[in-house]
């Protein structure tokens, strides 16, 4: 049977989905049709139904016009460095054994339990593929889930970085149960780390940019959760069962920075920055007076194109007369790679080209600080920021990474019958159809 599956996988691109799926075991006809409906959608980066196997490894369905390969899901336990498959998962305890629920739309949902058992697609397998969604790219993420305990992350690329304000490898992910909410949360990040490190409020170390669908759903019942991001409209949306419910709810940390006069939309949410990647990201400075009229001082870092650019997000009603500048360097093995830091005399959105002959390495550390002109002297504002250069995070199911201090008991408790990621924004009619409600 293994050889048959391998052969089918190789010829998948030359056969229809139905021809291949007829060979899959233990799938009912109605479940097969639902799998086919998702797998045949245009723009599909990956769809894991946990029944499509090659050599006993869960693999994804995909649109060959978008990506040229299937991507595996392995099983993992916090503290164990090995990756496992369903056939060789070694744990059999009450909290870490592999069990399934067959009542979902696709009929083969594994149970993920916090850090005891969760799913992972290693970064090195998709780093240069469409699944590494970053920059200003549209996408849709969806999952068919049934919770029976704690709610947290469902699926995505989300490494919390141990809650340090300038650490983390967050890109995008579906959540439920955060902030006392019982509905769906769609998280997105430009910094990979804290969204508003300039705030000193409790919780400012967390990622705060998220759309929240307020409609609750029950444990022990199947739910369809989804998120979309459209860089044209700048809207991030969260959905439950194919429906987006509008909500107004101002985030406390964002309020601290922006001092809003009206309640802000929480679904949809406006997001006008590029999504984080390990080599193209946003750094936000801290330690300045928000009442100066500048809410955020932002440094855009593009280590691929080798340039940096400064941006202010400010109150347009106030005239800003203060001069600012940015100092920028990179440390390697504790030493600056340039004798003198780059000084970017700030004009909003002006790019500074970095030397074309330098290369960035994992383990390097960006050091940057913000200064303002006081009289005829430059004065540093806030702290020197140290931003480590890291490899990208993996795609995980049921558990966010970077939370070692929370150990095995942090994460979600749920059955996941399927996860799908698209390189486009699916409309609400399509989402309702794919909810299979």
Protein backbone atom coordinates (compact mmCIF):
# COMPACT_ATOMS: atom_id res chain seq x y z
CA UNK A 1 0.00 0.00 0.00
CA UNK A 2 2.84 2.40 0.75
CA UNK A 3 4.17 1.99 -2.77
CA UNK A 4 0.70 2.61 -4.20
CA UNK A 5 0.34 5.85 -2.23
CA UNK A 6 3.79 6.99 -3.30
CA UNK A 7 2.96 6.26 -6.90
CA UNK A 8 -0.34 8.12 -6.63
CA UNK A 9 1.40 11.09 -5.06
CA UNK A 10 3.92 11.27 -7.90
CA UNK A 11 1.23 11.19 -10.56
CA UNK A 12 -1.13 13.53 -8.66
CA UNK A 13 -0.37 16.49 -10.95
CA UNK A 14 -1.42 14.43 -13.98
CA UNK A 15 -4.67 13.06 -12.56
CA UNK A 16 -7.87 14.51 -11.23
CA UNK A 17 -8.37 14.76 -7.50
CA UNK A 18 -11.20 12.22 -7.63
CA UNK A 19 -9.06 9.62 -9.39
CA UNK A 20 -6.44 9.86 -6.66
CA UNK A 21 -8.82 10.02 -3.70
CA UNK A 22 -10.66 6.86 -4.72
CA UNK A 23 -7.59 5.04 -3.45
CA UNK A 24 -7.72 6.63 0.01
CA UNK A 25 -8.88 4.25 2.75
CA UNK A 26 -11.73 4.65 5.21
CA UNK A 27 -13.25 7.77 3.66
CA UNK A 28 -17.00 7.90 3.11
CA UNK A 29 -18.35 9.15 -0.20
CA UNK A 30 -19.78 12.37 1.26
CA UNK A 31 -16.49 13.08 3.04
CA UNK A 32 -14.60 12.44 -0.19
CA UNK A 33 -16.76 15.01 -1.98
CA UNK A 34 -16.03 17.58 0.73
CA UNK A 35 -12.30 16.94 0.50
CA UNK A 36 -12.51 17.32 -3.26
CA UNK A 37 -14.42 20.61 -2.96
CA UNK A 38 -11.67 22.16 -0.84
CA UNK A 39 -8.78 20.63 -2.78
CA UNK A 40 -10.09 21.90 -6.13
CA UNK A 41 -10.29 25.55 -5.06
CA UNK A 42 -8.00 27.87 -7.01
CA UNK A 43 -5.08 29.38 -5.16
CA UNK A 44 -4.67 26.47 -2.74
CA UNK A 45 -1.26 26.51 -1.06
CA UNK A 46 -1.91 23.57 1.24
CA UNK A 47 -4.87 21.56 2.49
CA UNK A 48 -4.21 18.93 5.13
CA UNK A 49 -7.13 16.54 5.70
CA UNK A 50 -5.06 14.04 7.75
CA UNK A 51 -6.11 11.24 5.40
CA UNK A 52 -3.89 11.99 2.41
CA UNK A 53 -0.75 9.97 3.18
CA UNK A 54 2.52 9.20 1.46
CA UNK A 55 4.72 6.64 3.20
CA UNK A 56 2.55 7.01 6.33
CA UNK A 57 3.17 10.78 6.44
CA UNK A 58 0.25 13.20 6.29
CA UNK A 59 0.60 15.32 3.17
CA UNK A 60 -1.20 18.35 1.75
CA UNK A 61 -3.29 18.76 -1.36
CA UNK A 62 -2.26 21.80 -3.44
CA UNK A 63 -2.83 23.83 -6.57
CA UNK A 64 0.15 23.19 -8.89
CA UNK A 65 -0.26 26.71 -10.28
CA UNK A 66 0.61 28.03 -6.80
CA UNK A 67 3.11 25.59 -5.30
CA UNK A 68 5.01 22.66 -6.78
CA UNK A 69 4.95 20.21 -3.90
CA UNK A 70 2.96 18.69 -1.10
CA UNK A 71 3.91 19.58 2.47
CA UNK A 72 3.96 17.08 5.36
CA UNK A 73 2.57 17.31 8.88
CA UNK A 74 4.58 15.57 11.58
CA UNK A 75 3.72 14.98 15.20
CA UNK A 76 5.76 16.51 18.00
CA UNK A 77 5.93 16.80 21.79
CA UNK A 78 7.53 19.70 23.66
CA UNK A 79 10.87 18.55 25.06
CA UNK A 80 11.35 15.79 22.50
CA UNK A 81 13.49 16.99 19.55
CA UNK A 82 12.27 14.27 17.19
CA UNK A 83 9.55 14.47 14.56
CA UNK A 84 7.13 11.54 14.37
CA UNK A 85 4.43 10.24 12.06
CA UNK A 86 1.11 8.65 12.93
CA UNK A 87 2.61 5.18 12.48
CA UNK A 88 5.58 5.65 14.82
CA UNK A 89 4.22 8.02 17.49
CA UNK A 90 5.74 6.47 20.63
CA UNK A 91 3.58 7.96 23.39
CA UNK A 92 0.53 6.21 24.85
CA UNK A 93 -0.27 8.14 28.04
CA UNK A 94 -3.63 9.72 28.78
CA UNK A 95 -2.42 13.15 27.63
CA UNK A 96 -0.13 12.26 24.72
CA UNK A 97 -1.64 9.28 22.94
CA UNK A 98 -2.77 9.64 19.33
CA UNK A 99 -6.55 9.38 18.95
CA UNK A 100 -9.00 10.36 16.22
CA UNK A 101 -12.53 11.67 15.81
CA UNK A 102 -14.27 10.42 12.65
CA UNK A 103 -17.42 12.56 12.94
CA UNK A 104 -16.05 15.65 11.20
CA UNK A 105 -16.52 16.73 7.58
CA UNK A 106 -13.46 14.78 6.36
CA UNK A 107 -13.57 11.89 8.80
CA UNK A 108 -10.05 11.60 10.24
CA UNK A 109 -9.36 14.31 12.83
CA UNK A 110 -6.34 13.76 15.12
CA UNK A 111 -6.43 15.12 18.65
CA UNK A 112 -3.87 17.77 19.58
CA UNK A 113 -3.31 18.35 23.29
CA UNK A 114 -1.29 21.42 24.34
CA UNK A 115 2.43 20.62 24.26
CA UNK A 116 1.88 16.90 24.71
CA UNK A 117 0.99 16.27 21.08
CA UNK A 118 0.75 18.81 18.28
CA UNK A 119 1.35 19.06 14.55
CA UNK A 120 4.26 20.70 12.77
CA UNK A 121 5.44 21.39 9.22
CA UNK A 122 9.18 22.18 9.43
CA UNK A 123 10.24 25.59 8.14
CA UNK A 124 12.99 24.28 5.86
CA UNK A 125 10.36 22.47 3.79
CA UNK A 126 8.39 25.59 2.90
CA UNK A 127 10.69 28.57 3.53
CA UNK A 128 10.87 29.50 -0.16
CA UNK A 129 7.33 28.47 -0.99
CA UNK A 130 3.95 30.20 -1.04
CA UNK A 131 3.21 29.02 2.52
CA UNK A 132 5.76 31.57 3.78
CA UNK A 133 3.25 34.40 3.52
CA UNK A 134 4.93 37.73 4.22
CA UNK A 135 5.02 41.28 2.91
CA UNK A 136 1.78 42.63 1.53
CA UNK A 137 0.22 39.43 0.23
CA UNK A 138 -3.41 38.31 0.36
CA UNK A 139 -4.33 35.04 2.02
CA UNK A 140 -7.05 32.91 3.58
CA UNK A 141 -6.56 30.39 6.37
CA UNK A 142 -9.34 28.04 7.48
CA UNK A 143 -9.75 25.07 9.78
CA UNK A 144 -12.45 22.58 10.80
CA UNK A 145 -12.13 22.06 14.55
CA UNK A 146 -13.77 20.59 17.63
CA UNK A 147 -12.47 21.77 21.00
CA UNK A 148 -12.91 19.82 24.19
CA UNK A 149 -10.76 21.88 26.55
CA UNK A 150 -8.41 24.86 26.52
CA UNK A 151 -8.55 27.22 23.55
CA UNK A 152 -5.51 28.91 22.05
CA UNK A 153 -3.80 28.59 18.67
CA UNK A 154 -5.42 26.57 15.88
CA UNK A 155 -2.87 26.80 13.06
CA UNK A 156 -0.33 29.13 11.49
CA UNK A 157 3.21 30.49 11.71
CA UNK A 158 3.45 31.89 15.22
CA UNK A 159 6.47 31.78 17.54
CA UNK A 160 5.90 33.98 20.58
CA UNK A 161 9.60 34.37 21.34
CA UNK A 162 9.17 33.96 25.09
CA UNK A 163 7.14 37.19 25.43
CA UNK A 164 10.16 39.48 24.99
CA UNK A 165 9.17 42.72 23.29
CA UNK A 166 11.75 42.47 20.51
CA UNK A 167 11.83 38.71 20.09
CA UNK A 168 9.52 36.37 18.22
CA UNK A 169 8.78 35.00 14.77
CA UNK A 170 5.08 35.68 14.36
CA UNK A 171 3.57 35.93 10.87
CA UNK A 172 -0.11 34.88 10.79
CA UNK A 173 -2.28 32.43 12.70
CA UNK A 174 -5.82 31.45 13.66
CA UNK A 175 -6.69 31.49 17.36
CA UNK A 176 -9.69 31.08 19.61
CA UNK A 177 -10.22 31.84 23.28
CA UNK A 178 -7.82 34.77 23.71
CA UNK A 179 -8.61 37.89 25.73
CA UNK A 180 -11.65 36.27 27.28
CA UNK A 181 -13.26 35.94 23.86
CA UNK A 182 -15.03 32.70 22.94
CA UNK A 183 -15.00 33.36 19.20
CA UNK A 184 -12.39 33.37 16.44
CA UNK A 185 -9.28 35.56 16.47
CA UNK A 186 -7.17 36.28 13.41
CA UNK A 187 -3.64 37.32 14.36
CA UNK A 188 -1.13 39.03 12.08
CA UNK A 189 2.25 40.63 12.77
CA UNK A 190 4.64 43.07 11.12
CA UNK A 191 7.27 43.00 13.85
CA UNK A 192 7.30 39.29 14.63
CA UNK A 193 7.36 40.50 18.23
CA UNK A 194 5.32 42.94 20.33
CA UNK A 195 2.93 45.07 18.27
CA UNK A 196 3.34 48.16 20.47
CA UNK A 197 6.64 47.91 22.40
CA UNK A 198 6.49 51.66 23.07
CA UNK A 199 3.63 51.13 25.51
CA UNK A 200 4.32 50.24 29.14
CA UNK A 201 0.88 48.83 29.89
CA UNK A 202 0.42 45.27 31.05
CA UNK A 203 0.21 43.07 27.97
CA UNK A 204 2.30 45.35 25.76
CA UNK A 205 4.81 42.51 25.33
CA UNK A 206 2.23 40.59 23.31
CA UNK A 207 1.16 40.73 19.67
CA UNK A 208 -1.98 42.90 19.68
CA UNK A 209 -3.08 43.18 16.04
CA UNK A 210 -5.97 40.81 15.59
CA UNK A 211 -9.48 40.65 14.23
CA UNK A 212 -12.03 39.21 16.66
CA UNK A 213 -15.30 37.62 15.61
CA UNK A 214 -17.53 37.92 18.69
CA UNK A 215 -19.82 34.96 18.00
CA UNK A 216 -19.13 32.16 20.49
CA UNK A 217 -19.16 28.47 19.67
CA UNK A 218 -19.41 25.46 21.93
CA UNK A 219 -16.89 22.83 22.85
CA UNK A 220 -17.65 19.30 21.65
CA UNK A 221 -19.20 20.66 18.44
CA UNK A 222 -17.58 21.07 15.05
CA UNK A 223 -16.83 24.66 14.05
CA UNK A 224 -15.39 26.20 10.90
CA UNK A 225 -12.95 29.00 11.72
CA UNK A 226 -11.28 31.22 9.14
CA UNK A 227 -9.34 34.41 8.56
CA UNK A 228 -8.65 36.54 5.49
CA UNK A 229 -6.29 39.40 4.76
CA UNK A 230 -6.63 41.73 1.77
CA UNK A 231 -3.67 44.13 1.33
CA UNK A 232 -5.69 46.22 -1.12
CA UNK A 233 -8.51 47.02 1.30
CA UNK A 234 -6.08 46.60 4.26
CA UNK A 235 -8.69 44.48 6.02
CA UNK A 236 -8.01 41.55 8.31
CA UNK A 237 -11.18 39.57 9.04
CA UNK A 238 -12.17 36.68 11.31
CA UNK A 239 -15.03 34.29 10.49
CA UNK A 240 -17.08 31.64 12.26
CA UNK A 241 -18.90 29.10 10.08
CA UNK A 242 -18.37 31.32 7.04
CA UNK A 243 -19.90 34.41 8.60
CA UNK A 244 -18.05 37.57 9.65
CA UNK A 245 -19.73 39.38 12.54
CA UNK A 246 -18.74 43.02 12.87
CA UNK A 247 -17.40 44.10 16.23
CA UNK A 248 -16.15 47.36 17.72
CA UNK A 249 -13.75 46.93 20.59
CA UNK A 250 -10.67 49.09 21.18
CA UNK A 251 -7.52 47.29 22.29
CA UNK A 252 -6.20 48.77 25.54
CA UNK A 253 -2.53 48.84 24.51
CA UNK A 254 -3.29 50.35 21.11
CA UNK A 255 -5.46 52.93 22.87
CA UNK A 256 -2.51 53.81 25.10
CA UNK A 257 -0.44 54.62 22.02
CA UNK A 258 -3.02 56.24 19.75
CA UNK A 259 -5.38 57.89 22.23
CA UNK A 260 -8.47 57.20 20.12
CA UNK A 261 -11.55 59.35 20.59
CA UNK A 262 -13.95 56.71 19.28
CA UNK A 263 -14.40 52.95 19.59
CA UNK A 264 -12.27 51.09 17.03
CA UNK A 265 -13.29 48.26 14.74
CA UNK A 266 -12.17 44.83 15.95
CA UNK A 267 -13.64 42.93 13.00
CA UNK A 268 -12.51 43.83 10.43
CA UNK A 269 -9.20 45.36 11.52
CA UNK A 270 -7.10 47.72 9.40
CA UNK A 271 -3.53 46.45 8.82
CA UNK A 272 -1.33 48.61 6.62
CA UNK A 273 2.13 47.17 7.24
CA UNK A 274 4.01 44.26 5.63
CA UNK A 275 3.68 40.85 7.29
CA UNK A 276 6.85 39.79 9.10
CA UNK A 277 9.54 37.58 7.65
CA UNK A 278 12.99 36.88 9.16
CA UNK A 279 14.68 39.19 6.65
CA UNK A 280 12.01 41.83 6.01
CA UNK A 281 10.30 43.26 9.07
CA UNK A 282 9.35 46.30 11.12
CA UNK A 283 11.15 47.62 14.20
CA UNK A 284 9.25 50.01 16.47
CA UNK A 285 11.10 52.35 18.83
CA UNK A 286 10.09 53.11 22.40
CA UNK A 287 10.64 55.68 25.12
CA UNK A 288 9.13 58.76 23.48
CA UNK A 289 6.20 60.98 24.39
CA UNK A 290 3.04 59.93 22.53
CA UNK A 291 1.59 63.41 23.10
CA UNK A 292 4.27 64.85 20.81
CA UNK A 293 1.94 64.05 17.91
CA UNK A 294 3.94 61.04 16.69
CA UNK A 295 2.28 57.80 17.74
CA UNK A 296 4.88 55.46 16.25
CA UNK A 297 8.47 55.72 15.06
CA UNK A 298 9.01 52.77 12.72
CA UNK A 299 12.10 51.41 10.97
CA UNK A 300 11.42 49.20 7.96
CA UNK A 301 14.26 46.71 7.54
CA UNK A 302 14.72 44.80 4.28
CA UNK A 303 17.82 42.64 4.49
CA UNK A 304 17.09 41.05 1.10
CA UNK A 305 17.08 44.37 -0.78
CA UNK A 306 19.62 45.71 1.76
CA UNK A 307 17.93 48.94 2.72
CA UNK A 308 16.25 50.54 5.70
CA UNK A 309 13.56 53.22 5.77
CA UNK A 310 12.03 55.33 8.50
CA UNK A 311 8.30 55.96 8.87
CA UNK A 312 6.24 58.05 11.25
CA UNK A 313 2.62 57.36 12.12
CA UNK A 314 1.38 60.64 13.45
CA UNK A 315 -1.51 62.91 14.19
CA UNK A 316 -1.96 64.81 10.95
CA UNK A 317 -3.60 67.69 12.80
CA UNK A 318 -0.37 68.52 14.61
CA UNK A 319 2.66 70.08 12.97
CA UNK A 320 5.81 68.10 13.77
CA UNK A 321 8.89 70.33 13.99
CA UNK A 322 11.34 68.10 15.88
CA UNK A 323 14.24 66.58 13.93
CA UNK A 324 14.96 62.87 14.40
CA UNK A 325 17.59 60.44 13.22
CA UNK A 326 18.20 56.68 13.36
CA UNK A 327 21.42 54.85 14.16
CA UNK A 328 21.73 51.34 12.73
CA UNK A 329 24.34 48.60 12.95
CA UNK A 330 24.60 44.80 12.99
CA UNK A 331 26.47 42.78 15.58
CA UNK A 332 28.13 39.47 14.82
CA UNK A 333 29.69 37.47 17.63
CA UNK A 334 29.21 40.50 19.86
CA UNK A 335 31.05 42.94 17.57
CA UNK A 336 29.70 45.58 15.18
CA UNK A 337 30.25 44.57 11.56
CA UNK A 338 30.65 48.24 10.58
CA UNK A 339 33.10 50.57 12.35
CA UNK A 340 30.48 53.29 12.53
CA UNK A 341 26.71 52.92 12.63
CA UNK A 342 24.66 54.04 9.69
CA UNK A 343 23.00 57.35 10.45
CA UNK A 344 19.69 57.92 8.76
CA UNK A 345 18.78 61.59 8.93
CA UNK A 346 15.06 61.20 8.91
CA UNK A 347 12.76 62.22 6.15
CA UNK A 348 9.60 60.15 6.24
CA UNK A 349 9.78 57.02 4.05
CA UNK A 350 13.21 57.78 2.60
CA UNK A 351 15.27 54.63 2.07
CA UNK A 352 18.91 54.27 3.10
CA UNK A 353 20.83 51.70 1.06
CA UNK A 354 23.09 49.43 3.05
CA UNK A 355 26.41 48.13 1.66
CA UNK A 356 25.74 45.66 -1.14
CA UNK A 357 28.61 43.37 -0.19
CA UNK A 358 27.47 42.41 3.31
CA UNK A 359 25.65 39.20 4.11
CA UNK A 360 23.32 38.55 7.00
CA UNK A 361 23.64 35.41 9.10
CA UNK A 362 21.34 33.70 11.57
CA UNK A 363 22.62 34.72 14.99
CA UNK A 364 23.44 38.28 13.94
CA UNK A 365 21.74 41.03 15.89
CA UNK A 366 20.44 44.36 14.66
CA UNK A 367 21.17 47.25 17.01
CA UNK A 368 19.33 50.50 16.41
CA UNK A 369 18.34 53.59 18.34
CA UNK A 370 16.30 56.73 17.79
CA UNK A 371 17.61 60.24 18.51
CA UNK A 372 16.04 63.68 18.46
CA UNK A 373 17.69 67.07 18.10
CA UNK A 374 17.62 69.12 21.29
CA UNK A 375 19.16 72.50 20.59
CA UNK A 376 22.33 71.62 18.72
CA UNK A 377 22.76 68.20 20.37
CA UNK A 378 21.39 64.81 19.40
CA UNK A 379 19.72 63.05 22.33
CA UNK A 380 18.82 59.35 22.40
CA UNK A 381 15.15 58.56 22.96
CA UNK A 382 14.37 55.38 24.83
CA UNK A 383 16.47 52.25 24.71
CA UNK A 384 18.87 50.77 22.20
CA UNK A 385 16.94 48.03 20.45
CA UNK A 386 18.56 44.65 19.92
CA UNK A 387 16.72 42.54 17.37
CA UNK A 388 18.06 39.00 16.76
CA UNK A 389 18.12 37.54 13.25
CA UNK A 390 16.49 34.12 13.37
CA UNK A 391 15.35 31.40 11.05
CA UNK A 392 11.67 31.50 10.20
CA UNK A 393 9.20 29.66 12.40
CA UNK A 394 7.51 26.42 11.36
CA UNK A 395 3.80 26.05 10.60
CA UNK A 396 2.18 24.44 13.63
CA UNK A 397 -1.19 22.93 14.51
CA UNK A 398 -2.66 23.31 17.99
CA UNK A 399 0.36 24.90 19.67
CA UNK A 400 2.20 28.21 19.35
CA UNK A 401 5.96 27.89 19.81
CA UNK A 402 8.38 30.06 21.76
CA UNK A 403 6.59 29.42 25.04
CA UNK A 404 9.06 27.11 26.75
CA UNK A 405 8.39 28.68 30.11
CA UNK A 406 4.78 27.51 29.83
CA UNK A 407 5.90 23.94 29.16
CA UNK A 408 3.68 21.07 28.20
CA UNK A 409 0.49 22.52 29.63
CA UNK A 410 0.26 25.49 27.27
CA UNK A 411 -1.68 25.21 24.02
CA UNK A 412 -5.01 24.06 22.64
CA UNK A 413 -7.03 20.91 23.22
CA UNK A 414 -8.90 20.07 20.06
CA UNK A 415 -9.57 17.76 17.17
CA UNK A 416 -8.53 19.24 13.80
CA UNK A 417 -10.20 17.63 10.79
CA UNK A 418 -8.52 19.90 8.25
CA UNK A 419 -6.52 23.07 7.68
CA UNK A 420 -6.30 24.94 4.38
CA UNK A 421 -4.26 27.96 3.29
CA UNK A 422 -4.86 29.97 0.10
CA UNK A 423 -2.91 32.72 -1.63
CA UNK A 424 -6.06 34.77 -2.20
CA UNK A 425 -9.04 36.16 -0.32
CA UNK A 426 -11.97 33.78 -0.53
CA UNK A 427 -15.33 35.54 -0.58
CA UNK A 428 -18.00 34.97 2.04
CA UNK A 429 -20.16 32.81 -0.21
CA UNK A 430 -17.25 30.43 -0.75
CA UNK A 431 -16.44 30.40 2.94
CA UNK A 432 -20.02 29.54 3.81
CA UNK A 433 -19.96 26.68 1.30
CA UNK A 434 -16.70 25.34 2.67
CA UNK A 435 -17.99 25.46 6.24
CA UNK A 436 -20.13 22.40 5.34
CA UNK A 437 -22.73 23.53 7.83
